[in-house]
């Protein structure tokens, strides 16, 4: 009796899941909807977490220093991964170049540790890319702040000249 109830509950749950994740196609037949996130996106997110931990705990190269993994893009076949990184002290171009060379040199080691940490059939080939988006965002923010400051100063000057 208990087994029958369990089977009925399971079939009800499966039916509810299918109803939520199906829609009718042009001919009126049910069609399975695409998942909200692709597998490559989920794998990329997990790779980002694992590489951040590996860089923090395992890699001892002094050239790398304080590095942050800002994003990971994985190819659809999961064979290649672009790992976008930023460094704590991005002002010094020579330190950034040295850090990128250190990451490039350590990428086979990082890939092997990633393979041990994650259960993937194919461990992606890792390519590190320096992420300039944070610096560009700060530069744009500073430009906007300067324009606002100049505009406010101009309005104050206009108000003072109108009062005279």
Protein backbone atom coordinates (compact mmCIF):
# COMPACT_ATOMS: atom_id res chain seq x y z
CA UNK A 1 0.00 0.00 0.00
CA UNK A 2 2.77 2.41 0.97
CA UNK A 3 4.62 1.70 -2.28
CA UNK A 4 1.51 2.45 -4.36
CA UNK A 5 1.03 5.83 -2.65
CA UNK A 6 4.67 6.68 -3.28
CA UNK A 7 4.35 5.80 -6.99
CA UNK A 8 1.19 7.92 -7.33
CA UNK A 9 2.87 10.88 -5.62
CA UNK A 10 5.87 10.52 -7.91
CA UNK A 11 3.70 10.46 -11.03
CA UNK A 12 1.78 13.54 -9.81
CA UNK A 13 5.05 15.41 -9.25
CA UNK A 14 6.30 14.40 -12.70
CA UNK A 15 3.05 15.58 -14.30
CA UNK A 16 3.26 18.93 -12.47
CA UNK A 17 6.87 19.34 -13.63
CA UNK A 18 5.96 18.57 -17.24
CA UNK A 19 3.03 20.98 -17.13
CA UNK A 20 5.28 23.76 -15.87
CA UNK A 21 8.01 23.10 -18.44
CA UNK A 22 6.01 22.40 -21.59
CA UNK A 23 4.15 24.55 -24.07
CA UNK A 24 2.22 23.92 -27.23
CA UNK A 25 4.03 24.24 -30.54
CA UNK A 26 2.46 25.59 -33.75
CA UNK A 27 0.63 22.32 -34.44
CA UNK A 28 -0.88 22.13 -30.96
CA UNK A 29 1.44 19.39 -29.73
CA UNK A 30 3.29 19.70 -26.45
CA UNK A 31 6.89 20.77 -26.75
CA UNK A 32 9.48 20.64 -23.99
CA UNK A 33 10.65 24.17 -23.07
CA UNK A 34 14.32 25.00 -22.94
CA UNK A 35 15.91 25.16 -19.54
CA UNK A 36 16.37 28.53 -17.96
CA UNK A 37 20.17 28.20 -17.92
CA UNK A 38 22.37 26.24 -20.27
CA UNK A 39 24.68 23.62 -18.84
CA UNK A 40 27.71 25.58 -20.04
CA UNK A 41 26.56 28.56 -17.94
CA UNK A 42 26.22 26.40 -14.83
CA UNK A 43 29.62 24.79 -15.45
CA UNK A 44 31.18 28.23 -16.00
CA UNK A 45 29.81 29.42 -12.67
CA UNK A 46 31.23 26.38 -10.88
CA UNK A 47 34.59 26.76 -12.65
CA UNK A 48 34.72 30.39 -11.50
CA UNK A 49 34.26 29.33 -7.87
CA UNK A 50 36.80 26.51 -8.08
CA UNK A 51 39.49 28.57 -9.84
CA UNK A 52 39.06 31.36 -7.28
CA UNK A 53 39.68 28.86 -4.48
CA UNK A 54 42.62 27.28 -6.33
CA UNK A 55 44.26 30.68 -6.93
CA UNK A 56 43.79 31.63 -3.31
CA UNK A 57 44.99 28.39 -1.69
CA UNK A 58 47.13 26.39 -4.11
CA UNK A 59 49.04 28.69 -6.46
CA UNK A 60 52.13 30.09 -4.76
CA UNK A 61 53.58 32.17 -7.61
CA UNK A 62 54.49 35.63 -6.22
CA UNK A 63 53.84 37.25 -9.61
CA UNK A 64 50.15 36.45 -9.36
CA UNK A 65 49.49 38.13 -6.02
CA UNK A 66 45.92 39.16 -5.19
CA UNK A 67 43.82 38.10 -8.18
CA UNK A 68 40.03 38.07 -8.57
CA UNK A 69 38.18 35.88 -11.03
CA UNK A 70 35.53 38.23 -12.41
CA UNK A 71 33.92 35.96 -15.01
CA UNK A 72 34.29 32.67 -16.87
CA UNK A 73 33.02 31.90 -20.36
CA UNK A 74 32.91 28.25 -21.41
CA UNK A 75 32.47 27.01 -24.98
CA UNK A 76 29.32 25.03 -25.69
CA UNK A 77 31.29 21.77 -25.88
CA UNK A 78 33.01 22.60 -22.53
CA UNK A 79 36.46 22.16 -24.10
CA UNK A 80 37.66 25.74 -23.66
CA UNK A 81 37.26 28.29 -20.88
CA UNK A 82 38.09 31.99 -20.91
CA UNK A 83 38.81 33.10 -17.35
CA UNK A 84 38.58 36.87 -16.86
CA UNK A 85 40.71 38.16 -13.98
CA UNK A 86 41.52 41.43 -12.26
CA UNK A 87 44.37 42.21 -9.91
CA UNK A 88 44.21 44.14 -6.65
CA UNK A 89 46.78 46.68 -7.76
CA UNK A 90 45.82 47.33 -11.40
CA UNK A 91 47.65 50.67 -11.61
CA UNK A 92 51.01 49.10 -12.44
CA UNK A 93 51.06 47.69 -16.00
CA UNK A 94 54.28 45.75 -15.39
CA UNK A 95 52.72 44.00 -12.37
CA UNK A 96 49.67 43.12 -14.47
CA UNK A 97 51.87 41.71 -17.25
CA UNK A 98 53.88 39.69 -14.73
CA UNK A 99 50.68 38.40 -13.12
CA UNK A 100 49.25 37.37 -16.48
CA UNK A 101 52.49 35.55 -17.36
CA UNK A 102 52.34 33.79 -13.99
CA UNK A 103 48.74 32.71 -14.60
CA UNK A 104 49.64 31.53 -18.11
CA UNK A 105 52.51 29.48 -16.71
CA UNK A 106 50.32 28.01 -13.94
CA UNK A 107 47.33 27.20 -16.18
CA UNK A 108 48.21 23.48 -16.71
CA UNK A 109 48.57 23.05 -12.94
CA UNK A 110 45.31 24.92 -12.33
CA UNK A 111 43.61 22.76 -14.96
CA UNK A 112 44.79 19.57 -13.25
CA UNK A 113 43.52 20.78 -9.87
CA UNK A 114 40.24 21.79 -11.50
CA UNK A 115 39.92 18.29 -12.94
CA UNK A 116 40.34 16.79 -9.48
CA UNK A 117 37.85 19.20 -7.91
CA UNK A 118 35.09 18.86 -10.52
CA UNK A 119 33.55 15.80 -12.09
CA UNK A 120 33.71 16.63 -15.78
CA UNK A 121 34.31 14.30 -18.70
CA UNK A 122 36.44 16.97 -20.38
CA UNK A 123 38.32 19.48 -18.25
CA UNK A 124 38.36 22.70 -20.27
CA UNK A 125 41.56 24.23 -21.56
CA UNK A 126 42.00 27.45 -19.56
CA UNK A 127 42.93 30.79 -21.07
CA UNK A 128 43.34 33.76 -18.71
CA UNK A 129 42.29 37.20 -19.94
CA UNK A 130 42.82 40.46 -18.07
CA UNK A 131 39.43 42.09 -17.47
CA UNK A 132 39.62 45.81 -18.17
CA UNK A 133 35.89 46.41 -17.71
CA UNK A 134 36.28 47.48 -14.07
CA UNK A 135 38.93 50.07 -14.95
CA UNK A 136 36.87 51.31 -17.91
CA UNK A 137 33.78 51.55 -15.69
CA UNK A 138 35.69 53.60 -13.12
CA UNK A 139 37.05 55.84 -15.88
CA UNK A 140 33.56 56.43 -17.27
CA UNK A 141 32.22 57.13 -13.78
CA UNK A 142 34.98 59.70 -13.21
CA UNK A 143 34.20 61.38 -16.54
CA UNK A 144 30.51 61.64 -15.65
CA UNK A 145 31.36 62.99 -12.18
CA UNK A 146 33.65 65.63 -13.72
CA UNK A 147 30.95 66.74 -16.17
CA UNK A 148 28.39 67.01 -13.36
CA UNK A 149 30.83 68.97 -11.20
CA UNK A 150 31.63 71.36 -14.07
CA UNK A 151 27.93 71.76 -14.86
CA UNK A 152 27.13 72.56 -11.22
CA UNK A 153 29.98 75.09 -11.09
CA UNK A 154 28.71 76.71 -14.30
CA UNK A 155 25.17 76.99 -12.85
CA UNK A 156 26.52 78.54 -9.65
CA UNK A 157 28.46 81.09 -11.72
CA UNK A 158 25.31 81.87 -13.76
CA UNK A 159 23.26 82.35 -10.57
CA UNK A 160 25.88 84.72 -9.09
CA UNK A 161 26.03 86.82 -12.30
CA UNK A 162 22.20 87.06 -12.47
CA UNK A 163 22.01 88.37 -8.89
CA UNK A 164 24.29 91.32 -9.72
